Amino acid sequence: MGLDRRASAEFSFLLALPVMLAASGFDFVTHYQDFSGANLEILAVGFVTDFICTYFTMKIFIDFLNRNKFVGFGIYRILFGLILLFFAI
């Protein structure tokens, strides 16, 4: 569609947001009893930690895309898929 690699990666990350929000909302609705007072602190720490790690991972990945192509990543995914297929059979 004429987009560069950076724009494509940012768009795919944005497309993942509604799916992750829906999955988290469903999990919250089905397991609401697990979110009591004592667990809220643990949940908050986990959320903040995950947010920070995800932010830096996405930043590093997008910087990587600015400098490199997907060829190495594609080869890795094909080889990993073949290994999984071998163990599944």
PDB file of N, CA and C in Angstrom:
ATOM      1  N   MET A   1       0.811  -1.193   0.000  1.00  0.00           N
ATOM      2  CA  MET A   1       0.000   0.000   0.000  1.00  0.00           C
ATOM      3  C   MET A   1       0.856   1.259   0.000  1.00  0.00           C
ATOM      4  N   GLY A   2       2.156   1.098  -0.147  1.00  0.00           N
ATOM      5  CA  GLY A   2       3.013   2.256  -0.254  1.00  0.00           C
ATOM      6  C   GLY A   2       3.514   2.798   1.075  1.00  0.00           C
ATOM      7  N   LEU A   3       3.274   2.106   2.161  1.00  0.00           N
ATOM      8  CA  LEU A   3       3.751   2.567   3.464  1.00  0.00           C
ATOM      9  C   LEU A   3       5.165   2.065   3.712  1.00  0.00           C
ATOM     10  N   ASP A   4       5.915   2.805   4.489  1.00  0.00           N
ATOM     11  CA  ASP A   4       7.239   2.329   4.859  1.00  0.00           C
ATOM     12  C   ASP A   4       7.112   1.329   6.024  1.00  0.00           C
ATOM     13  N   ARG A   5       8.219   0.696   6.348  1.00  0.00           N
ATOM     14  CA  ARG A   5       8.193  -0.341   7.387  1.00  0.00           C
ATOM     15  C   ARG A   5       7.773   0.216   8.738  1.00  0.00           C
ATOM     16  N   ARG A   6       8.224   1.407   9.069  1.00  0.00           N
ATOM     17  CA  ARG A   6       7.892   2.009  10.361  1.00  0.00           C
ATOM     18  C   ARG A   6       6.387   2.242  10.476  1.00  0.00           C
ATOM     19  N   ALA A   7       5.788   2.806   9.447  1.00  0.00           N
ATOM     20  CA  ALA A   7       4.346   3.076   9.471  1.00  0.00           C
ATOM     21  C   ALA A   7       3.552   1.773   9.537  1.00  0.00           C
ATOM     22  N   SER A   8       4.015   0.747   8.840  1.00  0.00           N
ATOM     23  CA  SER A   8       3.333  -0.551   8.876  1.00  0.00           C
ATOM     24  C   SER A   8       3.383  -1.160  10.273  1.00  0.00           C
ATOM     25  N   ALA A   9       4.535  -1.076  10.916  1.00  0.00           N
ATOM     26  CA  ALA A   9       4.667  -1.636  12.269  1.00  0.00           C
ATOM     27  C   ALA A   9       3.797  -0.859  13.255  1.00  0.00           C
ATOM     28  N   GLU A  10       3.811   0.471  13.157  1.00  0.00           N
ATOM     29  CA  GLU A  10       2.978   1.263  14.064  1.00  0.00           C
ATOM     30  C   GLU A  10       1.500   0.960  13.846  1.00  0.00           C
ATOM     31  N   PHE A  11       1.090   0.796  12.583  1.00  0.00           N
ATOM     32  CA  PHE A  11      -0.299   0.473  12.280  1.00  0.00           C
ATOM     33  C   PHE A  11      -0.687  -0.888  12.845  1.00  0.00           C
ATOM     34  N   SER A  12       0.204  -1.875  12.736  1.00  0.00           N
ATOM     35  CA  SER A  12      -0.114  -3.207  13.266  1.00  0.00           C
ATOM     36  C   SER A  12      -0.204  -3.183  14.791  1.00  0.00           C
ATOM     37  N   PHE A  13       0.625  -2.373  15.450  1.00  0.00           N
ATOM     38  CA  PHE A  13       0.518  -2.242  16.900  1.00  0.00           C
ATOM     39  C   PHE A  13      -0.815  -1.598  17.276  1.00  0.00           C
ATOM     40  N   LEU A  14      -1.228  -0.602  16.512  1.00  0.00           N
ATOM     41  CA  LEU A  14      -2.517   0.040  16.783  1.00  0.00           C
ATOM     42  C   LEU A  14      -3.686  -0.908  16.534  1.00  0.00           C
ATOM     43  N   LEU A  15      -3.573  -1.775  15.539  1.00  0.00           N
ATOM     44  CA  LEU A  15      -4.629  -2.761  15.280  1.00  0.00           C
ATOM     45  C   LEU A  15      -4.749  -3.777  16.413  1.00  0.00           C
ATOM     46  N   ALA A  16      -3.666  -4.022  17.117  1.00  0.00           N
ATOM     47  CA  ALA A  16      -3.689  -4.999  18.207  1.00  0.00           C
ATOM     48  C   ALA A  16      -4.385  -4.454  19.452  1.00  0.00           C
ATOM     49  N   LEU A  17      -4.451  -3.144  19.600  1.00  0.00           N
ATOM     50  CA  LEU A  17      -5.042  -2.555  20.810  1.00  0.00           C
ATOM     51  C   LEU A  17      -6.488  -2.985  21.074  1.00  0.00           C
ATOM     52  N   PRO A  18      -7.419  -2.902  20.107  1.00  0.00           N
ATOM     53  CA  PRO A  18      -8.793  -3.322  20.403  1.00  0.00           C
ATOM     54  C   PRO A  18      -8.903  -4.794  20.796  1.00  0.00           C
ATOM     55  N   VAL A  19      -8.103  -5.635  20.166  1.00  0.00           N
ATOM     56  CA  VAL A  19      -8.139  -7.065  20.497  1.00  0.00           C
ATOM     57  C   VAL A  19      -7.648  -7.302  21.917  1.00  0.00           C
ATOM     58  N   MET A  20      -6.554  -6.634  22.302  1.00  0.00           N
ATOM     59  CA  MET A  20      -6.033  -6.799  23.661  1.00  0.00           C
ATOM     60  C   MET A  20      -6.992  -6.229  24.695  1.00  0.00           C
ATOM     61  N   LEU A  21      -7.626  -5.100  24.382  1.00  0.00           N
ATOM     62  CA  LEU A  21      -8.605  -4.531  25.310  1.00  0.00           C
ATOM     63  C   LEU A  21      -9.810  -5.452  25.473  1.00  0.00           C
ATOM     64  N   ALA A  22     -10.287  -6.029  24.380  1.00  0.00           N
ATOM     65  CA  ALA A  22     -11.425  -6.948  24.458  1.00  0.00           C
ATOM     66  C   ALA A  22     -11.068  -8.204  25.250  1.00  0.00           C
ATOM     67  N   ALA A  23      -9.881  -8.752  25.013  1.00  0.00           N
ATOM     68  CA  ALA A  23      -9.459  -9.946  25.743  1.00  0.00           C
ATOM     69  C   ALA A  23      -9.285  -9.646  27.227  1.00  0.00           C
ATOM     70  N   SER A  24      -8.708  -8.489  27.554  1.00  0.00           N
ATOM     71  CA  SER A  24      -8.544  -8.113  28.959  1.00  0.00           C
ATOM     72  C   SER A  24      -9.893  -7.865  29.620  1.00  0.00           C
ATOM     73  N   GLY A  25     -10.801  -7.212  28.903  1.00  0.00           N
ATOM     74  CA  GLY A  25     -12.141  -6.972  29.440  1.00  0.00           C
ATOM     75  C   GLY A  25     -12.887  -8.267  29.683  1.00  0.00           C
ATOM     76  N   PHE A  26     -12.789  -9.201  28.750  1.00  0.00           N
ATOM     77  CA  PHE A  26     -13.441 -10.505  28.930  1.00  0.00           C
ATOM     78  C   PHE A  26     -12.859 -11.243  30.126  1.00  0.00           C
ATOM     79  N   ASP A  27     -11.545 -11.212  30.262  1.00  0.00           N
ATOM     80  CA  ASP A  27     -10.895 -11.867  31.399  1.00  0.00           C
ATOM     81  C   ASP A  27     -11.330 -11.226  32.715  1.00  0.00           C
ATOM     82  N   PHE A  28     -11.440  -9.906  32.724  1.00  0.00           N
ATOM     83  CA  PHE A  28     -11.875  -9.201  33.931  1.00  0.00           C
ATOM     84  C   PHE A  28     -13.311  -9.578  34.292  1.00  0.00           C
ATOM     85  N   VAL A  29     -14.188  -9.661  33.304  1.00  0.00           N
ATOM     86  CA  VAL A  29     -15.593  -9.994  33.556  1.00  0.00           C
ATOM     87  C   VAL A  29     -15.736 -11.435  34.038  1.00  0.00           C
ATOM     88  N   THR A  30     -14.978 -12.357  33.471  1.00  0.00           N
ATOM     89  CA  THR A  30     -15.110 -13.764  33.850  1.00  0.00           C
ATOM     90  C   THR A  30     -14.399 -14.098  35.157  1.00  0.00           C
ATOM     91  N   HIS A  31     -13.414 -13.299  35.560  1.00  0.00           N
ATOM     92  CA  HIS A  31     -12.669 -13.572  36.790  1.00  0.00           C
ATOM     93  C   HIS A  31     -12.698 -12.380  37.747  1.00  0.00           C
ATOM     94  N   TYR A  32     -13.819 -11.707  37.820  1.00  0.00           N
ATOM     95  CA  TYR A  32     -13.918 -10.500  38.653  1.00  0.00           C
ATOM     96  C   TYR A  32     -13.679 -10.796  40.126  1.00  0.00           C
ATOM     97  N   GLN A  33     -13.965 -12.011  40.575  1.00  0.00           N
ATOM     98  CA  GLN A  33     -13.784 -12.338  41.990  1.00  0.00           C
ATOM     99  C   GLN A  33     -12.307 -12.374  42.396  1.00  0.00           C
ATOM    100  N   ASP A  34     -11.415 -12.536  41.425  1.00  0.00           N
ATOM    101  CA  ASP A  34      -9.977 -12.561  41.721  1.00  0.00           C
ATOM    102  C   ASP A  34      -9.390 -11.170  41.940  1.00  0.00           C
ATOM    103  N   PHE A  35     -10.132 -10.134  41.574  1.00  0.00           N
ATOM    104  CA  PHE A  35      -9.632  -8.769  41.687  1.00  0.00           C
ATOM    105  C   PHE A  35     -10.143  -8.133  42.969  1.00  0.00           C
ATOM    106  N   SER A  36      -9.683  -8.645  44.084  1.00  0.00           N
ATOM    107  CA  SER A  36     -10.084  -8.095  45.380  1.00  0.00           C
ATOM    108  C   SER A  36      -9.066  -7.049  45.833  1.00  0.00           C
ATOM    109  N   GLY A  37      -9.225  -6.516  47.031  1.00  0.00           N
ATOM    110  CA  GLY A  37      -8.385  -5.438  47.538  1.00  0.00           C
ATOM    111  C   GLY A  37      -6.901  -5.752  47.539  1.00  0.00           C
ATOM    112  N   ALA A  38      -6.524  -6.922  48.034  1.00  0.00           N
ATOM    113  CA  ALA A  38      -5.103  -7.268  48.132  1.00  0.00           C
ATOM    114  C   ALA A  38      -4.499  -7.503  46.748  1.00  0.00           C
ATOM    115  N   ASN A  39      -5.282  -8.014  45.833  1.00  0.00           N
ATOM    116  CA  ASN A  39      -4.763  -8.310  44.495  1.00  0.00           C
ATOM    117  C   ASN A  39      -4.648  -7.063  43.620  1.00  0.00           C
ATOM    118  N   LEU A  40      -5.311  -5.987  43.985  1.00  0.00           N
ATOM    119  CA  LEU A  40      -5.258  -4.784  43.158  1.00  0.00           C
ATOM    120  C   LEU A  40      -3.863  -4.168  43.126  1.00  0.00           C
ATOM    121  N   GLU A  41      -3.130  -4.235  44.244  1.00  0.00           N
ATOM    122  CA  GLU A  41      -1.759  -3.716  44.254  1.00  0.00           C
ATOM    123  C   GLU A  41      -0.873  -4.507  43.306  1.00  0.00           C
ATOM    124  N   ILE A  42      -1.003  -5.824  43.353  1.00  0.00           N
ATOM    125  CA  ILE A  42      -0.215  -6.694  42.471  1.00  0.00           C
ATOM    126  C   ILE A  42      -0.599  -6.436  41.018  1.00  0.00           C
ATOM    127  N   LEU A  43      -1.890  -6.276  40.768  1.00  0.00           N
ATOM    128  CA  LEU A  43      -2.355  -5.986  39.416  1.00  0.00           C
ATOM    129  C   LEU A  43      -1.800  -4.652  38.925  1.00  0.00           C
ATOM    130  N   ALA A  44      -1.789  -3.640  39.768  1.00  0.00           N
ATOM    131  CA  ALA A  44      -1.275  -2.319  39.380  1.00  0.00           C
ATOM    132  C   ALA A  44       0.224  -2.370  39.084  1.00  0.00           C
ATOM    133  N   VAL A  45       0.988  -3.062  39.919  1.00  0.00           N
ATOM    134  CA  VAL A  45       2.429  -3.195  39.689  1.00  0.00           C
ATOM    135  C   VAL A  45       2.687  -3.954  38.389  1.00  0.00           C
ATOM    136  N   GLY A  46       1.944  -5.008  38.154  1.00  0.00           N
ATOM    137  CA  GLY A  46       2.092  -5.774  36.919  1.00  0.00           C
ATOM    138  C   GLY A  46       1.734  -4.953  35.693  1.00  0.00           C
ATOM    139  N   PHE A  47       0.672  -4.153  35.794  1.00  0.00           N
ATOM    140  CA  PHE A  47       0.261  -3.317  34.677  1.00  0.00           C
ATOM    141  C   PHE A  47       1.327  -2.278  34.341  1.00  0.00           C
ATOM    142  N   VAL A  48       1.852  -1.601  35.357  1.00  0.00           N
ATOM    143  CA  VAL A  48       2.867  -0.571  35.124  1.00  0.00           C
ATOM    144  C   VAL A  48       4.140  -1.203  34.561  1.00  0.00           C
ATOM    145  N   THR A  49       4.555  -2.324  35.112  1.00  0.00           N
ATOM    146  CA  THR A  49       5.747  -3.013  34.628  1.00  0.00           C
ATOM    147  C   THR A  49       5.570  -3.454  33.181  1.00  0.00           C
ATOM    148  N   ASP A  50       4.424  -4.019  32.873  1.00  0.00           N
ATOM    149  CA  ASP A  50       4.149  -4.462  31.510  1.00  0.00           C
ATOM    150  C   ASP A  50       4.115  -3.282  30.541  1.00  0.00           C
ATOM    151  N   PHE A  51       3.511  -2.174  30.964  1.00  0.00           N
ATOM    152  CA  PHE A  51       3.456  -0.995  30.111  1.00  0.00           C
ATOM    153  C   PHE A  51       4.854  -0.484  29.777  1.00  0.00           C
ATOM    154  N   ILE A  52       5.718  -0.405  30.774  1.00  0.00           N
ATOM    155  CA  ILE A  52       7.078   0.088  30.565  1.00  0.00           C
ATOM    156  C   ILE A  52       7.865  -0.858  29.650  1.00  0.00           C
ATOM    157  N   CYS A  53       7.781  -2.150  29.908  1.00  0.00           N
ATOM    158  CA  CYS A  53       8.503  -3.127  29.080  1.00  0.00           C
ATOM    159  C   CYS A  53       7.997  -3.114  27.635  1.00  0.00           C
ATOM    160  N   THR A  54       6.686  -3.033  27.463  1.00  0.00           N
ATOM    161  CA  THR A  54       6.114  -3.012  26.125  1.00  0.00           C
ATOM    162  C   THR A  54       6.514  -1.749  25.380  1.00  0.00           C
ATOM    163  N   TYR A  55       6.506  -0.619  26.064  1.00  0.00           N
ATOM    164  CA  TYR A  55       6.884   0.646  25.429  1.00  0.00           C
ATOM    165  C   TYR A  55       8.314   0.572  24.889  1.00  0.00           C
ATOM    166  N   PHE A  56       9.250   0.103  25.716  1.00  0.00           N
ATOM    167  CA  PHE A  56      10.638   0.046  25.277  1.00  0.00           C
ATOM    168  C   PHE A  56      10.854  -1.029  24.213  1.00  0.00           C
ATOM    169  N   THR A  57      10.130  -2.138  24.300  1.00  0.00           N
ATOM    170  CA  THR A  57      10.250  -3.177  23.285  1.00  0.00           C
ATOM    171  C   THR A  57       9.766  -2.664  21.937  1.00  0.00           C
ATOM    172  N   MET A  58       8.635  -1.972  21.927  1.00  0.00           N
ATOM    173  CA  MET A  58       8.122  -1.415  20.673  1.00  0.00           C
ATOM    174  C   MET A  58       9.070  -0.356  20.113  1.00  0.00           C
ATOM    175  N   LYS A  59       9.640   0.459  20.983  1.00  0.00           N
ATOM    176  CA  LYS A  59      10.582   1.489  20.541  1.00  0.00           C
ATOM    177  C   LYS A  59      11.816   0.845  19.911  1.00  0.00           C
ATOM    178  N   ILE A  60      12.356  -0.173  20.553  1.00  0.00           N
ATOM    179  CA  ILE A  60      13.532  -0.870  20.022  1.00  0.00           C
ATOM    180  C   ILE A  60      13.194  -1.547  18.695  1.00  0.00           C
ATOM    181  N   PHE A  61      12.006  -2.168  18.617  1.00  0.00           N
ATOM    182  CA  PHE A  61      11.603  -2.865  17.391  1.00  0.00           C
ATOM    183  C   PHE A  61      11.431  -1.884  16.235  1.00  0.00           C
ATOM    184  N   ILE A  62      10.811  -0.752  16.481  1.00  0.00           N
ATOM    185  CA  ILE A  62      10.615   0.235  15.411  1.00  0.00           C
ATOM    186  C   ILE A  62      11.949   0.838  14.982  1.00  0.00           C
ATOM    187  N   ASP A  63      12.850   1.080  15.932  1.00  0.00           N
ATOM    188  CA  ASP A  63      14.197   1.537  15.564  1.00  0.00           C
ATOM    189  C   ASP A  63      14.928   0.485  14.732  1.00  0.00           C
ATOM    190  N   PHE A  64      14.738  -0.778  15.089  1.00  0.00           N
ATOM    191  CA  PHE A  64      15.326  -1.877  14.322  1.00  0.00           C
ATOM    192  C   PHE A  64      14.785  -1.883  12.892  1.00  0.00           C
ATOM    193  N   LEU A  65      13.475  -1.640  12.752  1.00  0.00           N
ATOM    194  CA  LEU A  65      12.870  -1.625  11.419  1.00  0.00           C
ATOM    195  C   LEU A  65      13.397  -0.473  10.565  1.00  0.00           C
ATOM    196  N   ASN A  66      13.752   0.628  11.197  1.00  0.00           N
ATOM    197  CA  ASN A  66      14.291   1.757  10.443  1.00  0.00           C
ATOM    198  C   ASN A  66      15.654   1.441   9.840  1.00  0.00           C
ATOM    199  N   ARG A  67      16.384   0.528  10.479  1.00  0.00           N
ATOM    200  CA  ARG A  67      17.743   0.219  10.027  1.00  0.00           C
ATOM    201  C   ARG A  67      17.833  -1.077   9.233  1.00  0.00           C
ATOM    202  N   ASN A  68      16.889  -2.003   9.425  1.00  0.00           N
ATOM    203  CA  ASN A  68      16.995  -3.333   8.824  1.00  0.00           C
ATOM    204  C   ASN A  68      15.713  -3.706   8.098  1.00  0.00           C
ATOM    205  N   LYS A  69      15.792  -4.822   7.381  1.00  0.00           N
ATOM    206  CA  LYS A  69      14.633  -5.358   6.676  1.00  0.00           C
ATOM    207  C   LYS A  69      14.110  -6.577   7.424  1.00  0.00           C
ATOM    208  N   PHE A  70      13.016  -7.131   6.923  1.00  0.00           N
ATOM    209  CA  PHE A  70      12.387  -8.280   7.555  1.00  0.00           C
ATOM    210  C   PHE A  70      12.949  -9.624   7.089  1.00  0.00           C
ATOM    211  N   VAL A  71      13.967  -9.631   6.277  1.00  0.00           N
ATOM    212  CA  VAL A  71      14.472 -10.885   5.704  1.00  0.00           C
ATOM    213  C   VAL A  71      14.930 -11.843   6.798  1.00  0.00           C
ATOM    214  N   GLY A  72      15.750 -11.375   7.726  1.00  0.00           N
ATOM    215  CA  GLY A  72      16.229 -12.239   8.807  1.00  0.00           C
ATOM    216  C   GLY A  72      15.088 -12.726   9.684  1.00  0.00           C
ATOM    217  N   PHE A  73      14.161 -11.853   9.973  1.00  0.00           N
ATOM    218  CA  PHE A  73      13.008 -12.228  10.781  1.00  0.00           C
ATOM    219  C   PHE A  73      12.152 -13.267  10.054  1.00  0.00           C
ATOM    220  N   GLY A  74      11.985 -13.095   8.745  1.00  0.00           N
ATOM    221  CA  GLY A  74      11.203 -14.060   7.961  1.00  0.00           C
ATOM    222  C   GLY A  74      11.857 -15.434   7.935  1.00  0.00           C
ATOM    223  N   ILE A  75      13.169 -15.467   7.756  1.00  0.00           N
ATOM    224  CA  ILE A  75      13.884 -16.750   7.763  1.00  0.00           C
ATOM    225  C   ILE A  75      13.757 -17.425   9.117  1.00  0.00           C
ATOM    226  N   TYR A  76      13.895 -16.637  10.185  1.00  0.00           N
ATOM    227  CA  TYR A  76      13.752 -17.180  11.535  1.00  0.00           C
ATOM    228  C   TYR A  76      12.365 -17.783  11.718  1.00  0.00           C
ATOM    229  N   ARG A  77      11.317 -17.089  11.289  1.00  0.00           N
ATOM    230  CA  ARG A  77       9.942 -17.570  11.471  1.00  0.00           C
ATOM    231  C   ARG A  77       9.690 -18.844  10.669  1.00  0.00           C
ATOM    232  N   ILE A  78      10.220 -18.924   9.459  1.00  0.00           N
ATOM    233  CA  ILE A  78      10.036 -20.124   8.644  1.00  0.00           C
ATOM    234  C   ILE A  78      10.741 -21.305   9.291  1.00  0.00           C
ATOM    235  N   LEU A  79      11.979 -21.120   9.723  1.00  0.00           N
ATOM    236  CA  LEU A  79      12.719 -22.215  10.366  1.00  0.00           C
ATOM    237  C   LEU A  79      12.052 -22.650  11.660  1.00  0.00           C
ATOM    238  N   PHE A  80      11.597 -21.684  12.459  1.00  0.00           N
ATOM    239  CA  PHE A  80      10.923 -22.011  13.710  1.00  0.00           C
ATOM    240  C   PHE A  80       9.617 -22.765  13.444  1.00  0.00           C
ATOM    241  N   GLY A  81       8.885 -22.375  12.419  1.00  0.00           N
ATOM    242  CA  GLY A  81       7.659 -23.067  12.051  1.00  0.00           C
ATOM    243  C   GLY A  81       7.924 -24.498  11.607  1.00  0.00           C
ATOM    244  N   LEU A  82       8.989 -24.684  10.843  1.00  0.00           N
ATOM    245  CA  LEU A  82       9.343 -26.040  10.408  1.00  0.00           C
ATOM    246  C   LEU A  82       9.741 -26.920  11.589  1.00  0.00           C
ATOM    247  N   ILE A  83      10.467 -26.358  12.548  1.00  0.00           N
ATOM    248  CA  ILE A  83      10.844 -27.113  13.742  1.00  0.00           C
ATOM    249  C   ILE A  83       9.605 -27.498  14.538  1.00  0.00           C
ATOM    250  N   LEU A  84       8.677 -26.564  14.719  1.00  0.00           N
ATOM    251  CA  LEU A  84       7.430 -26.885  15.433  1.00  0.00           C
ATOM    252  C   LEU A  84       6.614 -27.931  14.699  1.00  0.00           C
ATOM    253  N   LEU A  85       6.572 -27.833  13.379  1.00  0.00           N
ATOM    254  CA  LEU A  85       5.845 -28.819  12.585  1.00  0.00           C
ATOM    255  C   LEU A  85       6.490 -30.204  12.722  1.00  0.00           C
ATOM    256  N   PHE A  86       7.807 -30.255  12.751  1.00  0.00           N
ATOM    257  CA  PHE A  86       8.529 -31.513  12.916  1.00  0.00           C
ATOM    258  C   PHE A  86       8.182 -32.163  14.254  1.00  0.00           C
ATOM    259  N   PHE A  87       8.142 -31.371  15.337  1.00  0.00           N
ATOM    260  CA  PHE A  87       7.838 -31.925  16.652  1.00  0.00           C
ATOM    261  C   PHE A  87       6.356 -32.259  16.804  1.00  0.00           C
ATOM    262  N   ALA A  88       5.492 -31.604  16.059  1.00  0.00           N
ATOM    263  CA  ALA A  88       4.054 -31.885  16.133  1.00  0.00           C
ATOM    264  C   ALA A  88       3.721 -33.210  15.446  1.00  0.00           C
ATOM    265  N   ILE A  89       4.499 -33.562  14.441  1.00  0.00           N
ATOM    266  CA  ILE A  89       4.234 -34.806  13.720  1.00  0.00           C
ATOM    267  C   ILE A  89       4.903 -35.920  14.467  1.00  0.00           C
TER     268      ILE A  89
END
